[in-house]
Amino acid sequence: MKIRSWMGGIAMVTLCTAGSALAAVEASDVGERLNFNPDQTKVGLDVRLGVGGLTGDLGARTAPGPLIGITAGAQPWQLLGVEAGVEGQRLPIDDDRVGDNQAMYRYNLGVLAKAGPLVLQQKLRPYVGAGVGVSYLNATDGADAIYENDILAEVPLAAGLDYRFTDNVFAGARASYRILVGDEFADTASVTLNPADDNPDGNLLNFALTVGGRF
């Protein structure tokens, strides 16, 4: 019961971030479908595997890399769900000035609100989502002379599909675009290569498959 109440509280705080997805639902149905019942809210876990990389100037310094995540989720309302999870990712460094097999490791904590209806006989849920997160980037030993450890704020925007095999088991696919704030890990590397390029920027684009269950 405590878990359900906690997840419901997060959903209340993040409700406004996913309001745009409700445009596909007739206004007369919104009140009924957003009927929150904490005693019937299912929570669960899912595992995410995927790949992605940085864009813009930061993408020129790194290459796409694999990711893995574990997420706790809940569906407090018929149209709106919320999740909180952790994610790890390896972003190889593409720079001749560092040795082979050097990378930035990304460790992320985040929350996301998701909005979307169940369609196709209550089996398929297309959704969009938005949230907040924070990541710690850690440079490997062979790259830390010019690539710095860094803490980033993230604003993840997501779109995906979940398919329910049963009431409790589902699998899905997701694309997420994360707006990064405070991305300074490559500043020194850029300045030493080009003094005029002291503020490289970019964001993070990831694709992932998920499998999980609710209980």
Protein backbone atom coordinates (compact mmCIF):
# COMPACT_ATOMS: atom_id res chain seq x y z
CA MET A 1 0.00 0.00 0.00
CA LYS A 2 2.87 2.38 0.74
CA ILE A 3 4.37 1.68 -2.68
CA ARG A 4 1.07 2.40 -4.39
CA SER A 5 0.57 5.65 -2.49
CA TRP A 6 4.14 6.77 -3.28
CA MET A 7 3.75 6.06 -7.00
CA GLY A 8 0.39 7.80 -7.01
CA GLY A 9 2.00 10.86 -5.40
CA ILE A 10 4.63 11.06 -8.12
CA ALA A 11 1.91 10.80 -10.74
CA MET A 12 0.04 13.73 -9.22
CA VAL A 13 3.16 15.92 -9.34
CA THR A 14 4.02 15.00 -12.93
CA LEU A 15 0.49 14.96 -14.35
CA CYS A 16 0.86 18.29 -16.14
CA THR A 17 3.89 17.13 -18.13
CA ALA A 18 1.89 14.62 -20.15
CA GLY A 19 -1.31 16.56 -20.69
CA SER A 20 -0.77 16.99 -24.42
CA ALA A 21 -1.21 13.27 -25.07
CA LEU A 22 -4.81 13.44 -23.86
CA ALA A 23 -5.81 15.37 -26.99
CA ALA A 24 -6.59 12.05 -28.70
CA VAL A 25 -9.34 11.33 -26.17
CA GLU A 26 -12.77 12.94 -26.37
CA ALA A 27 -13.21 15.62 -23.72
CA SER A 28 -16.33 13.92 -22.35
CA ASP A 29 -14.31 10.77 -21.54
CA VAL A 30 -11.36 12.41 -19.78
CA GLY A 31 -12.98 12.79 -16.36
CA GLU A 32 -14.13 9.17 -16.27
CA ARG A 33 -10.84 7.73 -17.54
CA LEU A 34 -8.72 9.76 -15.14
CA ASN A 35 -10.50 8.25 -12.15
CA PHE A 36 -7.72 7.53 -9.65
CA ASN A 37 -8.18 4.44 -7.50
CA PRO A 38 -5.08 3.79 -5.36
CA ASP A 39 -6.40 0.43 -4.10
CA GLN A 40 -6.47 -0.96 -7.66
CA THR A 41 -3.26 0.59 -8.96
CA LYS A 42 -0.82 -2.05 -10.13
CA VAL A 43 2.91 -1.48 -9.79
CA GLY A 44 5.70 -3.49 -11.26
CA LEU A 45 9.13 -3.66 -12.84
CA ASP A 46 10.52 -3.73 -16.36
CA VAL A 47 13.96 -4.14 -17.90
CA ARG A 48 15.12 -2.01 -20.82
CA LEU A 49 17.89 -2.79 -23.33
CA GLY A 50 18.87 -0.50 -26.17
CA VAL A 51 21.37 1.72 -27.89
CA GLY A 52 21.80 5.44 -28.43
CA GLY A 53 24.18 8.33 -28.68
CA LEU A 54 24.78 12.02 -28.34
CA THR A 55 23.86 14.53 -31.04
CA GLY A 56 25.41 17.80 -32.22
CA ASP A 57 28.96 18.73 -31.24
CA LEU A 58 28.97 16.09 -28.50
CA GLY A 59 28.11 13.45 -31.08
CA ALA A 60 31.30 14.33 -32.94
CA ARG A 61 33.31 13.47 -29.80
CA THR A 62 31.54 10.18 -29.01
CA ALA A 63 29.93 7.18 -30.70
CA PRO A 64 26.61 5.40 -30.03
CA GLY A 65 26.67 2.87 -27.23
CA PRO A 66 24.55 0.26 -25.42
CA LEU A 67 22.25 0.97 -22.49
CA ILE A 68 20.42 -1.02 -19.84
CA GLY A 69 17.75 0.19 -17.43
CA ILE A 70 15.46 -1.04 -14.66
CA THR A 71 12.23 0.83 -14.00
CA ALA A 72 9.44 0.72 -11.44
CA GLY A 73 6.13 1.78 -12.94
CA ALA A 74 2.48 2.26 -12.07
CA GLN A 75 -0.75 3.07 -13.93
CA PRO A 76 -2.79 5.16 -11.43
CA TRP A 77 -5.23 6.22 -14.15
CA GLN A 78 -6.46 4.49 -17.28
CA LEU A 79 -4.75 7.03 -19.53
CA LEU A 80 -1.81 8.09 -17.40
CA GLY A 81 1.11 6.16 -15.98
CA VAL A 82 4.31 7.08 -14.21
CA GLU A 83 7.69 5.43 -13.83
CA ALA A 84 10.91 5.94 -11.91
CA GLY A 85 14.12 4.14 -12.72
CA VAL A 86 17.84 3.86 -13.20
CA GLU A 87 19.76 3.56 -16.44
CA GLY A 88 23.38 2.87 -17.38
CA GLN A 89 25.00 3.54 -20.72
CA ARG A 90 28.46 3.33 -22.29
CA LEU A 91 29.30 6.09 -24.80
CA PRO A 92 32.60 5.32 -26.59
CA ILE A 93 34.91 8.31 -27.08
CA ASP A 94 35.83 8.94 -30.73
CA ASP A 95 39.04 10.93 -30.32
CA ASP A 96 42.53 10.05 -31.60
CA ARG A 97 44.08 11.82 -28.60
CA VAL A 98 42.91 9.13 -26.17
CA GLY A 99 43.65 5.42 -26.24
CA ASP A 100 41.46 2.71 -27.68
CA ASN A 101 38.37 1.50 -25.80
CA GLN A 102 37.93 4.75 -23.86
CA ALA A 103 34.40 5.89 -23.01
CA MET A 104 32.08 8.01 -20.93
CA TYR A 105 29.89 5.92 -18.64
CA ARG A 106 26.47 7.43 -17.94
CA TYR A 107 24.52 6.62 -14.76
CA ASN A 108 21.00 8.05 -14.71
CA LEU A 109 18.10 8.48 -12.26
CA GLY A 110 14.82 9.77 -13.60
CA VAL A 111 11.02 9.93 -13.46
CA LEU A 112 8.66 10.01 -16.43
CA ALA A 113 4.92 10.56 -16.85
CA LYS A 114 3.34 8.66 -19.76
CA ALA A 115 -0.04 9.30 -21.39
CA GLY A 116 -1.86 7.17 -23.93
CA PRO A 117 -4.98 5.01 -24.45
CA LEU A 118 -5.31 1.23 -24.71
CA VAL A 119 -6.40 0.23 -28.25
CA LEU A 120 -6.78 -2.96 -30.30
CA GLN A 121 -8.90 -4.89 -27.79
CA GLN A 122 -7.09 -3.37 -24.80
CA LYS A 123 -3.77 -4.89 -25.85
CA LEU A 124 -1.72 -2.06 -27.40
CA ARG A 125 -0.85 1.22 -25.69
CA PRO A 126 0.82 3.96 -27.76
CA TYR A 127 2.09 6.72 -25.52
CA VAL A 128 4.09 9.90 -25.20
CA GLY A 129 5.93 10.98 -22.09
CA ALA A 130 7.96 13.69 -20.42
CA GLY A 131 9.89 13.90 -17.20
CA VAL A 132 13.05 14.95 -15.37
CA GLY A 133 16.30 13.23 -14.56
CA VAL A 134 19.92 13.57 -13.56
CA SER A 135 22.97 11.74 -14.92
CA TYR A 136 26.54 11.29 -13.77
CA LEU A 137 29.12 10.93 -16.55
CA ASN A 138 32.35 9.16 -15.64
CA ALA A 139 35.37 9.20 -17.99
CA THR A 140 37.55 6.09 -18.15
CA ASP A 141 41.12 6.41 -16.89
CA GLY A 142 42.65 6.72 -20.35
CA ALA A 143 40.45 9.70 -21.24
CA ASP A 144 40.16 11.68 -18.01
CA ALA A 145 43.07 13.99 -18.89
CA ILE A 146 40.86 15.89 -21.34
CA TYR A 147 37.35 14.51 -20.73
CA GLU A 148 35.88 15.45 -17.37
CA ASN A 149 33.46 13.71 -15.04
CA ASP A 150 30.22 15.64 -15.10
CA ILE A 151 26.70 15.85 -13.63
CA LEU A 152 23.91 16.63 -16.09
CA ALA A 153 20.28 17.55 -15.70
CA GLU A 154 18.02 15.88 -18.25
CA VAL A 155 14.55 16.55 -19.64
CA PRO A 156 13.50 13.26 -21.31
CA LEU A 157 10.82 13.26 -24.01
CA ALA A 158 9.63 9.81 -25.06
CA ALA A 159 7.32 8.06 -27.50
CA GLY A 160 6.65 4.34 -27.53
CA LEU A 161 4.37 1.34 -27.78
CA ASP A 162 3.58 -1.28 -25.14
CA TYR A 163 1.84 -4.57 -25.94
CA ARG A 164 0.06 -6.48 -23.16
CA PHE A 165 0.30 -10.26 -23.53
CA THR A 166 -1.74 -10.65 -20.34
CA ASP A 167 -3.03 -8.23 -17.72
CA ASN A 168 0.35 -8.47 -15.99
CA VAL A 169 2.97 -9.11 -18.70
CA PHE A 170 3.96 -6.66 -21.44
CA ALA A 171 6.74 -5.83 -23.89
CA GLY A 172 7.41 -2.67 -25.82
CA ALA A 173 9.66 -0.32 -27.75
CA ARG A 174 10.60 3.27 -27.04
CA ALA A 175 12.47 6.20 -28.52
CA SER A 176 13.60 8.95 -26.14
CA TYR A 177 15.17 12.33 -26.78
CA ARG A 178 16.85 13.77 -23.71
CA ILE A 179 17.56 17.50 -23.53
CA LEU A 180 20.82 17.88 -21.59
CA VAL A 181 21.55 20.79 -19.26
CA GLY A 182 25.09 21.41 -18.00
CA ASP A 183 26.93 19.23 -20.52
CA GLU A 184 30.50 20.36 -19.84
CA PHE A 185 32.38 17.05 -19.91
CA ALA A 186 33.89 17.74 -23.36
CA ASP A 187 34.73 21.44 -22.89
CA THR A 188 38.42 20.89 -22.19
CA ALA A 189 38.77 18.39 -25.04
CA SER A 190 37.21 20.86 -27.47
CA VAL A 191 39.31 23.85 -26.37
CA THR A 192 42.59 21.95 -26.66
CA LEU A 193 41.63 20.96 -30.21
CA ASN A 194 40.15 24.33 -31.23
CA PRO A 195 40.42 27.32 -28.84
CA ALA A 196 37.34 28.90 -30.44
CA ASP A 197 35.22 25.84 -29.68
CA ASP A 198 34.87 26.18 -25.91
CA ASN A 199 31.23 25.15 -25.47
CA PRO A 200 30.22 22.07 -27.48
CA ASP A 201 26.57 21.15 -27.15
CA GLY A 202 24.23 18.31 -27.95
CA ASN A 203 21.50 16.09 -26.58
CA LEU A 204 20.93 12.34 -26.22
CA LEU A 205 18.85 10.12 -28.52
CA ASN A 206 18.14 6.53 -27.37
CA PHE A 207 16.13 3.56 -28.65
CA ALA A 208 15.20 0.63 -26.43
CA LEU A 209 13.13 -2.54 -26.09
CA THR A 210 11.40 -3.33 -22.80
CA VAL A 211 9.86 -6.34 -21.13
CA GLY A 212 8.17 -6.37 -17.75
CA GLY A 213 5.25 -7.16 -15.53
CA ARG A 214 2.76 -5.60 -13.15
CA PHE A 215 1.37 -7.03 -9.93
